Amino acid sequence: MTEPYYLDQFGWKSDDYYSLHRYLHRMLYYYNKRMDEIRKIDLSKTSKETRVLMYCIINYYHLDFLMDLDNLIELKNTKPLDEKLIIDGDTAEDEDIYKEMNVVF
């Protein structure tokens, strides 16, 4: 099975991005149990949306040290999305980092 962060996101709807966000959230939040997977992520194979979601999650939980990993260091250069990414759900809707990166719940 291909990891969801590598999937082609053409035609995705908000609930698809919500599912991706939930996956990334669990992976990054529980980094101590998922570090092997995290260390294997190839950002060059991910979309800008995926990188922005990862950036938001890492910043929201103050897990900045994850962006010091050799494979994730490019996340430090993440810029906001040009268009709003609307995600279904009701979590973190008032969080500044998501608004700053143009992600809306």
C-alpha atoms as a PDB file:
ATOM      1  CA  MET A   1       0.000   0.000   0.000  1.00  0.00           C
ATOM      2  CA  THR A   2       1.255   3.465  -0.885  1.00  0.00           C
ATOM      3  CA  GLU A   3       1.472   5.846   2.042  1.00  0.00           C
ATOM      4  CA  PRO A   4      -1.280   8.465   1.726  1.00  0.00           C
ATOM      5  CA  TYR A   5       1.190  11.347   1.638  1.00  0.00           C
ATOM      6  CA  TYR A   6       2.525  10.025  -1.698  1.00  0.00           C
ATOM      7  CA  LEU A   7      -0.846   9.647  -3.409  1.00  0.00           C
ATOM      8  CA  ASP A   8      -1.747  11.733  -6.450  1.00  0.00           C
ATOM      9  CA  GLN A   9      -4.203  14.272  -5.064  1.00  0.00           C
ATOM     10  CA  PHE A  10      -5.765  15.256  -8.368  1.00  0.00           C
ATOM     11  CA  GLY A  11      -9.516  15.674  -7.879  1.00  0.00           C
ATOM     12  CA  TRP A  12      -9.389  15.347  -4.111  1.00  0.00           C
ATOM     13  CA  LYS A  13     -12.248  16.821  -2.113  1.00  0.00           C
ATOM     14  CA  SER A  14     -12.121  18.301   1.370  1.00  0.00           C
ATOM     15  CA  ASP A  15     -12.907  14.986   3.072  1.00  0.00           C
ATOM     16  CA  ASP A  16      -9.944  13.365   1.270  1.00  0.00           C
ATOM     17  CA  TYR A  17      -7.649  16.056   2.651  1.00  0.00           C
ATOM     18  CA  TYR A  18      -9.231  15.624   6.063  1.00  0.00           C
ATOM     19  CA  SER A  19      -8.324  11.915   5.961  1.00  0.00           C
ATOM     20  CA  LEU A  20      -4.777  12.795   4.939  1.00  0.00           C
ATOM     21  CA  HIS A  21      -4.580  15.357   7.747  1.00  0.00           C
ATOM     22  CA  ARG A  22      -5.757  12.768  10.268  1.00  0.00           C
ATOM     23  CA  TYR A  23      -3.129  10.279   9.059  1.00  0.00           C
ATOM     24  CA  LEU A  24      -0.344  12.859   9.201  1.00  0.00           C
ATOM     25  CA  HIS A  25      -1.577  14.068  12.572  1.00  0.00           C
ATOM     26  CA  ARG A  26      -1.394  10.590  14.107  1.00  0.00           C
ATOM     27  CA  MET A  27       1.986   9.896  12.535  1.00  0.00           C
ATOM     28  CA  LEU A  28       3.607  13.163  13.675  1.00  0.00           C
ATOM     29  CA  TYR A  29       1.899  13.466  17.058  1.00  0.00           C
ATOM     30  CA  TYR A  30       2.977   9.941  17.983  1.00  0.00           C
ATOM     31  CA  TYR A  31       6.431  10.492  16.544  1.00  0.00           C
ATOM     32  CA  ASN A  32       8.037   8.371  19.249  1.00  0.00           C
ATOM     33  CA  LYS A  33       6.202   5.309  17.871  1.00  0.00           C
ATOM     34  CA  ARG A  34       6.373   6.303  14.181  1.00  0.00           C
ATOM     35  CA  MET A  35       9.901   7.692  13.866  1.00  0.00           C
ATOM     36  CA  ASP A  36      10.970   4.962  11.428  1.00  0.00           C
ATOM     37  CA  GLU A  37       8.224   5.994   9.016  1.00  0.00           C
ATOM     38  CA  ILE A  38       8.883   9.695   9.538  1.00  0.00           C
ATOM     39  CA  ARG A  39      12.597   9.291   8.787  1.00  0.00           C
ATOM     40  CA  LYS A  40      11.752   7.573   5.477  1.00  0.00           C
ATOM     41  CA  ILE A  41       9.496  10.319   4.093  1.00  0.00           C
ATOM     42  CA  ASP A  42      10.751  11.752   0.824  1.00  0.00           C
ATOM     43  CA  LEU A  43       9.363  15.290   0.639  1.00  0.00           C
ATOM     44  CA  SER A  44      10.171  15.498  -3.063  1.00  0.00           C
ATOM     45  CA  LYS A  45       7.432  12.896  -3.647  1.00  0.00           C
ATOM     46  CA  THR A  46       4.788  14.819  -1.703  1.00  0.00           C
ATOM     47  CA  SER A  47       2.470  17.609  -2.784  1.00  0.00           C
ATOM     48  CA  LYS A  48       2.659  21.173  -1.546  1.00  0.00           C
ATOM     49  CA  GLU A  49      -0.612  20.541   0.308  1.00  0.00           C
ATOM     50  CA  THR A  50       0.909  17.577   2.135  1.00  0.00           C
ATOM     51  CA  ARG A  51       3.970  19.587   3.103  1.00  0.00           C
ATOM     52  CA  VAL A  52       1.797  22.444   4.374  1.00  0.00           C
ATOM     53  CA  LEU A  53      -0.293  20.049   6.451  1.00  0.00           C
ATOM     54  CA  MET A  54       2.842  18.511   7.936  1.00  0.00           C
ATOM     55  CA  TYR A  55       4.229  21.970   8.653  1.00  0.00           C
ATOM     56  CA  CYS A  56       0.993  23.023  10.390  1.00  0.00           C
ATOM     57  CA  ILE A  57       0.831  19.900  12.548  1.00  0.00           C
ATOM     58  CA  ILE A  58       4.471  20.143  13.566  1.00  0.00           C
ATOM     59  CA  ASN A  59       4.081  23.806  14.503  1.00  0.00           C
ATOM     60  CA  TYR A  60       0.732  23.347  16.221  1.00  0.00           C
ATOM     61  CA  TYR A  61       2.236  20.762  18.589  1.00  0.00           C
ATOM     62  CA  HIS A  62       5.619  22.503  18.892  1.00  0.00           C
ATOM     63  CA  LEU A  63       7.435  19.518  17.395  1.00  0.00           C
ATOM     64  CA  ASP A  64       9.924  21.757  15.603  1.00  0.00           C
ATOM     65  CA  PHE A  65      12.733  19.271  16.225  1.00  0.00           C
ATOM     66  CA  LEU A  66      11.148  17.039  13.570  1.00  0.00           C
ATOM     67  CA  MET A  67      12.071  19.651  10.974  1.00  0.00           C
ATOM     68  CA  ASP A  68      15.703  19.131  11.958  1.00  0.00           C
ATOM     69  CA  LEU A  69      15.621  15.597  10.570  1.00  0.00           C
ATOM     70  CA  ASP A  70      17.679  15.407   7.375  1.00  0.00           C
ATOM     71  CA  ASN A  71      14.683  14.357   5.289  1.00  0.00           C
ATOM     72  CA  LEU A  72      12.304  17.002   6.710  1.00  0.00           C
ATOM     73  CA  ILE A  73      14.595  20.017   6.905  1.00  0.00           C
ATOM     74  CA  GLU A  74      12.995  21.480   3.751  1.00  0.00           C
ATOM     75  CA  LEU A  75       9.757  21.899   5.700  1.00  0.00           C
ATOM     76  CA  LYS A  76      11.369  24.940   7.305  1.00  0.00           C
ATOM     77  CA  ASN A  77      10.955  26.691   3.929  1.00  0.00           C
ATOM     78  CA  THR A  78       7.249  25.934   3.624  1.00  0.00           C
ATOM     79  CA  LYS A  79       5.170  28.782   2.243  1.00  0.00           C
ATOM     80  CA  PRO A  80       1.392  29.252   2.511  1.00  0.00           C
ATOM     81  CA  LEU A  81      -0.768  27.726  -0.181  1.00  0.00           C
ATOM     82  CA  ASP A  82      -1.870  30.042  -2.984  1.00  0.00           C
ATOM     83  CA  GLU A  83      -5.460  28.837  -2.700  1.00  0.00           C
ATOM     84  CA  LYS A  84      -7.379  27.862   0.405  1.00  0.00           C
ATOM     85  CA  LEU A  85      -7.285  24.183   1.309  1.00  0.00           C
ATOM     86  CA  ILE A  86     -10.629  23.410   2.916  1.00  0.00           C
ATOM     87  CA  ILE A  87     -10.669  20.418   5.214  1.00  0.00           C
ATOM     88  CA  ASP A  88     -13.745  18.816   6.719  1.00  0.00           C
ATOM     89  CA  GLY A  89     -13.778  18.516  10.468  1.00  0.00           C
ATOM     90  CA  ASP A  90     -13.938  20.830  13.405  1.00  0.00           C
ATOM     91  CA  THR A  91     -10.493  20.656  14.964  1.00  0.00           C
ATOM     92  CA  ALA A  92      -8.068  23.550  15.237  1.00  0.00           C
ATOM     93  CA  GLU A  93     -10.360  25.904  13.321  1.00  0.00           C
ATOM     94  CA  ASP A  94      -9.121  28.910  15.243  1.00  0.00           C
ATOM     95  CA  GLU A  95      -5.444  28.049  15.140  1.00  0.00           C
ATOM     96  CA  ASP A  96      -3.258  30.757  13.681  1.00  0.00           C
ATOM     97  CA  ILE A  97      -0.731  28.443  12.028  1.00  0.00           C
ATOM     98  CA  TYR A  98      -3.437  26.883   9.863  1.00  0.00           C
ATOM     99  CA  LYS A  99      -4.864  30.260   8.888  1.00  0.00           C
ATOM    100  CA  GLU A 100      -1.368  31.553   8.173  1.00  0.00           C
ATOM    101  CA  MET A 101      -0.788  28.612   5.792  1.00  0.00           C
ATOM    102  CA  ASN A 102      -4.198  29.080   4.101  1.00  0.00           C
ATOM    103  CA  VAL A 103      -5.767  25.899   5.503  1.00  0.00           C
ATOM    104  CA  VAL A 104      -9.393  26.124   6.618  1.00  0.00           C
ATOM    105  CA  PHE A 105     -11.443  23.682   8.669  1.00  0.00           C
END
